[in-house]
């Protein structure tokens, strides 16, 4: 739980630094814009990690390896790792961080339009 809070706070610091670098002033609209970009990017990265680690592309990768390689290299190709075996970590913390940043974006937009 402590790691999640540290990651969330460091993401918020990065968001505020980007606001100061790009816009030179801090207001609710610029916070909503930058946090949407950061949160959306992290959520997209988490979703891609979830899909690849779930084994969605394993059949495609293994069949395309077999189709596009020469016959004398087939033994080497069969020993190569699949994309789902490359990811050894869980995508849940990445998704949780991205969704929490997007939740902060929604809260900021609620106050901005309210």
N, C-alpha and C. Protein backbone atom coordinates (compact mmCIF):
# COMPACT_ATOMS: atom_id res chain seq x y z
N UNK A 1 0.82 -1.19 0.00
CA UNK A 1 0.00 0.00 0.00
C UNK A 1 0.86 1.26 0.00
N UNK A 2 1.99 1.19 0.69
CA UNK A 2 2.88 2.34 0.75
C UNK A 2 3.48 2.66 -0.62
N UNK A 3 3.81 1.61 -1.37
CA UNK A 3 4.38 1.82 -2.71
C UNK A 3 3.38 2.51 -3.62
N UNK A 4 2.11 2.12 -3.54
CA UNK A 4 1.09 2.72 -4.39
C UNK A 4 0.95 4.21 -4.09
N UNK A 5 1.00 4.56 -2.83
CA UNK A 5 0.89 5.98 -2.46
C UNK A 5 2.12 6.75 -2.93
N UNK A 6 3.28 6.15 -2.81
CA UNK A 6 4.51 6.81 -3.28
C UNK A 6 4.47 7.00 -4.80
N UNK A 7 4.02 5.98 -5.54
CA UNK A 7 3.89 6.11 -6.99
C UNK A 7 2.87 7.18 -7.37
N UNK A 8 1.75 7.21 -6.66
CA UNK A 8 0.72 8.19 -6.95
C UNK A 8 1.22 9.61 -6.67
N UNK A 9 1.88 9.80 -5.55
CA UNK A 9 2.39 11.14 -5.22
C UNK A 9 3.50 11.58 -6.16
N UNK A 10 4.35 10.64 -6.57
CA UNK A 10 5.39 11.01 -7.52
C UNK A 10 4.79 11.34 -8.89
N UNK A 11 3.72 10.66 -9.27
CA UNK A 11 3.03 11.00 -10.52
C UNK A 11 2.41 12.38 -10.43
N UNK A 12 1.86 12.73 -9.27
CA UNK A 12 1.29 14.06 -9.10
C UNK A 12 2.37 15.15 -9.15
N UNK A 13 3.53 14.86 -8.61
CA UNK A 13 4.65 15.82 -8.68
C UNK A 13 5.08 16.00 -10.13
N UNK A 14 5.16 14.91 -10.87
CA UNK A 14 5.52 15.01 -12.29
C UNK A 14 4.47 15.81 -13.05
N UNK A 15 3.20 15.61 -12.73
CA UNK A 15 2.14 16.38 -13.39
C UNK A 15 2.29 17.86 -13.11
N UNK A 16 2.53 18.23 -11.86
CA UNK A 16 2.69 19.65 -11.53
C UNK A 16 3.94 20.25 -12.15
N UNK A 17 5.01 19.47 -12.24
CA UNK A 17 6.21 19.97 -12.90
C UNK A 17 5.97 20.19 -14.40
N UNK A 18 5.24 19.28 -15.02
CA UNK A 18 4.91 19.45 -16.44
C UNK A 18 4.00 20.67 -16.65
N UNK A 19 3.08 20.89 -15.73
CA UNK A 19 2.22 22.08 -15.83
C UNK A 19 3.07 23.35 -15.78
N UNK A 20 4.01 23.38 -14.85
CA UNK A 20 4.86 24.58 -14.74
C UNK A 20 5.77 24.74 -15.94
N UNK A 21 6.26 23.64 -16.50
CA UNK A 21 7.14 23.74 -17.67
C UNK A 21 6.39 24.14 -18.93
N UNK A 22 5.19 23.62 -19.11
CA UNK A 22 4.46 23.86 -20.36
C UNK A 22 3.63 25.14 -20.29
N UNK A 23 2.82 25.28 -19.24
CA UNK A 23 1.87 26.38 -19.18
C UNK A 23 2.33 27.58 -18.36
N UNK A 24 3.32 27.40 -17.51
CA UNK A 24 3.89 28.46 -16.66
C UNK A 24 2.95 28.95 -15.56
N UNK A 25 1.77 28.39 -15.44
CA UNK A 25 0.86 28.72 -14.34
C UNK A 25 0.01 27.50 -14.02
N UNK A 26 -0.47 27.44 -12.78
CA UNK A 26 -1.24 26.29 -12.35
C UNK A 26 -2.70 26.73 -12.16
N UNK A 27 -3.58 26.08 -12.87
CA UNK A 27 -5.01 26.22 -12.61
C UNK A 27 -5.67 24.87 -12.86
N UNK A 28 -6.97 24.81 -12.62
CA UNK A 28 -7.68 23.53 -12.65
C UNK A 28 -7.77 22.95 -14.06
N UNK A 29 -7.91 23.81 -15.05
CA UNK A 29 -8.01 23.34 -16.43
C UNK A 29 -6.70 22.71 -16.91
N UNK A 30 -5.58 23.35 -16.61
CA UNK A 30 -4.29 22.79 -17.03
C UNK A 30 -3.98 21.50 -16.27
N UNK A 31 -4.38 21.45 -15.00
CA UNK A 31 -4.20 20.20 -14.25
C UNK A 31 -5.01 19.07 -14.88
N UNK A 32 -6.25 19.36 -15.26
CA UNK A 32 -7.09 18.33 -15.86
C UNK A 32 -6.51 17.87 -17.20
N UNK A 33 -5.97 18.80 -17.98
CA UNK A 33 -5.40 18.43 -19.27
C UNK A 33 -4.18 17.52 -19.12
N UNK A 34 -3.23 17.96 -18.33
CA UNK A 34 -1.98 17.20 -18.18
C UNK A 34 -2.22 15.87 -17.47
N UNK A 35 -3.06 15.88 -16.43
CA UNK A 35 -3.31 14.62 -15.72
C UNK A 35 -4.08 13.64 -16.59
N UNK A 36 -4.91 14.13 -17.51
CA UNK A 36 -5.58 13.23 -18.44
C UNK A 36 -4.58 12.57 -19.37
N UNK A 37 -3.64 13.33 -19.89
CA UNK A 37 -2.63 12.74 -20.77
C UNK A 37 -1.77 11.71 -20.04
N UNK A 38 -1.32 12.06 -18.85
CA UNK A 38 -0.47 11.14 -18.07
C UNK A 38 -1.26 9.91 -17.64
N UNK A 39 -2.45 10.11 -17.09
CA UNK A 39 -3.27 8.99 -16.63
C UNK A 39 -3.72 8.10 -17.78
N UNK A 40 -4.07 8.71 -18.90
CA UNK A 40 -4.47 7.92 -20.06
C UNK A 40 -3.32 7.10 -20.62
N UNK A 41 -2.13 7.69 -20.65
CA UNK A 41 -0.96 6.96 -21.13
C UNK A 41 -0.60 5.79 -20.23
N UNK A 42 -0.65 6.01 -18.93
CA UNK A 42 -0.33 4.93 -17.99
C UNK A 42 -1.39 3.84 -18.05
N UNK A 43 -2.65 4.24 -18.16
CA UNK A 43 -3.72 3.24 -18.27
C UNK A 43 -3.60 2.44 -19.56
N UNK A 44 -3.27 3.11 -20.67
CA UNK A 44 -3.08 2.41 -21.94
C UNK A 44 -1.92 1.42 -21.83
N UNK A 45 -0.83 1.84 -21.21
CA UNK A 45 0.31 0.95 -21.01
C UNK A 45 -0.08 -0.26 -20.16
N UNK A 46 -0.86 -0.04 -19.12
CA UNK A 46 -1.32 -1.14 -18.28
C UNK A 46 -2.24 -2.10 -19.02
N UNK A 47 -3.11 -1.55 -19.89
CA UNK A 47 -4.01 -2.41 -20.66
C UNK A 47 -3.25 -3.22 -21.70
N UNK A 48 -2.26 -2.62 -22.34
CA UNK A 48 -1.44 -3.36 -23.30
C UNK A 48 -0.67 -4.47 -22.60
N UNK A 49 -0.13 -4.17 -21.43
CA UNK A 49 0.58 -5.18 -20.65
C UNK A 49 -0.36 -6.31 -20.25
N UNK A 50 -1.58 -5.96 -19.88
CA UNK A 50 -2.57 -6.98 -19.48
C UNK A 50 -2.91 -7.89 -20.65
N UNK A 51 -3.12 -7.31 -21.83
CA UNK A 51 -3.49 -8.11 -23.00
C UNK A 51 -2.34 -9.02 -23.43
N UNK A 52 -1.13 -8.49 -23.46
CA UNK A 52 0.01 -9.29 -23.90
C UNK A 52 0.35 -10.37 -22.88
N UNK A 53 0.31 -10.04 -21.60
CA UNK A 53 0.65 -11.05 -20.59
C UNK A 53 -0.43 -12.10 -20.44
N UNK A 54 -1.63 -11.81 -20.90
CA UNK A 54 -2.70 -12.80 -20.85
C UNK A 54 -2.60 -13.87 -21.91
N UNK A 55 -1.70 -13.72 -22.86
CA UNK A 55 -1.50 -14.74 -23.88
C UNK A 55 -2.31 -14.53 -25.13
N UNK A 56 -2.82 -13.32 -25.34
CA UNK A 56 -3.67 -13.05 -26.49
C UNK A 56 -2.91 -13.19 -27.81
N UNK A 57 -1.64 -12.80 -27.85
CA UNK A 57 -0.88 -12.81 -29.08
C UNK A 57 0.02 -14.04 -29.23
N UNK A 58 -0.03 -14.96 -28.31
CA UNK A 58 0.87 -16.12 -28.36
C UNK A 58 0.65 -16.99 -29.60
N UNK A 59 -0.59 -17.28 -29.92
CA UNK A 59 -0.87 -18.11 -31.08
C UNK A 59 -0.44 -17.43 -32.37
N UNK A 60 -0.71 -16.15 -32.48
CA UNK A 60 -0.31 -15.41 -33.68
C UNK A 60 1.21 -15.38 -33.84
N UNK A 61 1.91 -15.11 -32.77
CA UNK A 61 3.37 -15.02 -32.83
C UNK A 61 3.99 -16.38 -33.16
N UNK A 62 3.51 -17.43 -32.50
CA UNK A 62 4.09 -18.75 -32.77
C UNK A 62 3.79 -19.22 -34.19
N UNK A 63 2.60 -18.97 -34.70
CA UNK A 63 2.29 -19.40 -36.06
C UNK A 63 3.03 -18.56 -37.10
N UNK A 64 3.19 -17.26 -36.85
CA UNK A 64 3.94 -16.45 -37.82
C UNK A 64 5.43 -16.79 -37.79
N UNK A 65 5.95 -17.18 -36.64
CA UNK A 65 7.35 -17.62 -36.58
C UNK A 65 7.55 -18.89 -37.40
N UNK A 66 6.61 -19.81 -37.29
CA UNK A 66 6.71 -21.06 -38.04
C UNK A 66 6.56 -20.82 -39.53
N UNK A 67 5.72 -19.91 -39.92
CA UNK A 67 5.46 -19.66 -41.33
C UNK A 67 6.61 -18.94 -42.02
N UNK A 68 7.23 -17.98 -41.32
CA UNK A 68 8.23 -17.14 -41.96
C UNK A 68 9.67 -17.60 -41.76
N UNK A 69 9.91 -18.74 -41.12
CA UNK A 69 11.29 -19.21 -40.94
C UNK A 69 11.58 -20.38 -41.86
N UNK A 70 12.83 -20.57 -42.09
CA UNK A 70 13.27 -21.69 -42.93
C UNK A 70 13.23 -22.96 -42.11
N UNK A 71 13.19 -24.09 -42.80
CA UNK A 71 13.02 -25.37 -42.13
C UNK A 71 14.19 -25.73 -41.23
N UNK A 72 15.39 -25.32 -41.59
CA UNK A 72 16.54 -25.71 -40.76
C UNK A 72 16.64 -24.86 -39.49
N UNK A 73 15.84 -23.82 -39.36
CA UNK A 73 15.85 -22.99 -38.15
C UNK A 73 14.64 -23.24 -37.25
N UNK A 74 13.80 -24.21 -37.57
CA UNK A 74 12.56 -24.44 -36.81
C UNK A 74 12.82 -24.85 -35.36
N UNK A 75 13.90 -25.58 -35.11
CA UNK A 75 14.20 -25.98 -33.73
C UNK A 75 14.52 -24.77 -32.87
N UNK A 76 15.24 -23.81 -33.42
CA UNK A 76 15.55 -22.59 -32.67
C UNK A 76 14.31 -21.75 -32.43
N UNK A 77 13.43 -21.70 -33.37
CA UNK A 77 12.21 -20.91 -33.26
C UNK A 77 11.28 -21.47 -32.19
N UNK A 78 11.20 -22.78 -32.09
CA UNK A 78 10.32 -23.39 -31.10
C UNK A 78 10.83 -23.18 -29.67
N UNK A 79 12.10 -22.90 -29.51
CA UNK A 79 12.65 -22.66 -28.18
C UNK A 79 12.56 -21.20 -27.76
N UNK A 80 12.13 -20.33 -28.65
CA UNK A 80 12.00 -18.90 -28.31
C UNK A 80 10.80 -18.69 -27.39
N UNK A 81 10.92 -17.69 -26.52
CA UNK A 81 9.84 -17.40 -25.58
C UNK A 81 8.68 -16.70 -26.28
N UNK A 82 7.48 -16.95 -25.78
CA UNK A 82 6.29 -16.29 -26.28
C UNK A 82 6.14 -14.93 -25.60
N UNK A 83 5.36 -14.02 -26.18
CA UNK A 83 5.21 -12.69 -25.56
C UNK A 83 4.64 -12.73 -24.14
N UNK A 84 3.77 -13.68 -23.85
CA UNK A 84 3.22 -13.75 -22.49
C UNK A 84 4.26 -14.21 -21.47
N UNK A 85 5.30 -14.88 -21.92
CA UNK A 85 6.35 -15.32 -21.01
C UNK A 85 7.37 -14.22 -20.73
N UNK A 86 7.36 -13.17 -21.52
CA UNK A 86 8.32 -12.08 -21.33
C UNK A 86 7.93 -11.23 -20.13
N UNK A 87 6.62 -11.00 -19.93
CA UNK A 87 6.16 -10.18 -18.82
C UNK A 87 6.07 -11.03 -17.57
N UNK A 88 6.89 -10.72 -16.60
CA UNK A 88 6.89 -11.49 -15.36
C UNK A 88 6.25 -10.71 -14.21
N UNK A 89 5.66 -9.56 -14.50
CA UNK A 89 5.05 -8.75 -13.46
C UNK A 89 3.56 -8.59 -13.74
N UNK A 90 2.84 -8.19 -12.71
CA UNK A 90 1.41 -8.03 -12.84
C UNK A 90 1.08 -6.62 -13.35
N UNK A 91 0.14 -6.51 -14.27
CA UNK A 91 -0.23 -5.18 -14.77
C UNK A 91 -1.19 -4.43 -13.85
N UNK A 92 -1.64 -5.07 -12.78
CA UNK A 92 -2.63 -4.44 -11.90
C UNK A 92 -2.15 -3.15 -11.24
N UNK A 93 -0.90 -3.06 -10.74
CA UNK A 93 -0.46 -1.78 -10.17
C UNK A 93 -0.40 -0.65 -11.20
N UNK A 94 -0.04 -0.98 -12.43
CA UNK A 94 0.02 0.05 -13.47
C UNK A 94 -1.39 0.55 -13.77
N UNK A 95 -2.33 -0.38 -13.88
CA UNK A 95 -3.72 0.00 -14.11
C UNK A 95 -4.28 0.81 -12.95
N UNK A 96 -3.96 0.41 -11.73
CA UNK A 96 -4.47 1.14 -10.56
C UNK A 96 -3.92 2.57 -10.53
N UNK A 97 -2.65 2.74 -10.87
CA UNK A 97 -2.07 4.09 -10.89
C UNK A 97 -2.73 4.94 -11.97
N UNK A 98 -2.86 4.39 -13.16
CA UNK A 98 -3.47 5.15 -14.25
C UNK A 98 -4.91 5.52 -13.96
N UNK A 99 -5.67 4.58 -13.42
CA UNK A 99 -7.07 4.86 -13.12
C UNK A 99 -7.22 5.84 -11.97
N UNK A 100 -6.31 5.81 -11.01
CA UNK A 100 -6.39 6.79 -9.91
C UNK A 100 -6.06 8.20 -10.41
N UNK A 101 -5.14 8.32 -11.35
CA UNK A 101 -4.85 9.63 -11.93
C UNK A 101 -6.04 10.11 -12.76
N UNK A 102 -6.68 9.20 -13.49
CA UNK A 102 -7.88 9.58 -14.25
C UNK A 102 -9.04 9.95 -13.32
N UNK A 103 -9.11 9.32 -12.15
CA UNK A 103 -10.13 9.69 -11.17
C UNK A 103 -9.88 11.11 -10.65
N UNK A 104 -8.61 11.45 -10.44
CA UNK A 104 -8.29 12.83 -10.04
C UNK A 104 -8.64 13.82 -11.14
N UNK A 105 -8.49 13.40 -12.39
CA UNK A 105 -8.89 14.25 -13.51
C UNK A 105 -10.39 14.49 -13.48
N UNK A 106 -11.16 13.44 -13.22
CA UNK A 106 -12.61 13.59 -13.15
C UNK A 106 -13.04 14.50 -12.00
N UNK A 107 -12.37 14.38 -10.87
CA UNK A 107 -12.67 15.25 -9.74
C UNK A 107 -12.35 16.70 -10.07
N UNK A 108 -11.21 16.92 -10.73
CA UNK A 108 -10.84 18.28 -11.13
C UNK A 108 -11.84 18.85 -12.12
N UNK A 109 -12.31 18.04 -13.06
CA UNK A 109 -13.32 18.51 -14.01
C UNK A 109 -14.65 18.78 -13.34
N UNK A 110 -15.00 17.99 -12.33
CA UNK A 110 -16.23 18.25 -11.57
C UNK A 110 -16.17 19.61 -10.89
N UNK A 111 -15.05 19.92 -10.27
CA UNK A 111 -14.91 21.24 -9.62
C UNK A 111 -14.80 22.37 -10.64
N UNK A 112 -14.21 22.10 -11.79
CA UNK A 112 -14.04 23.12 -12.81
C UNK A 112 -15.39 23.53 -13.41
N UNK A 113 -16.24 22.54 -13.69
CA UNK A 113 -17.53 22.84 -14.31
C UNK A 113 -18.63 23.07 -13.28
N UNK A 114 -18.34 22.81 -12.01
CA UNK A 114 -19.37 22.94 -10.97
C UNK A 114 -19.49 24.32 -10.39
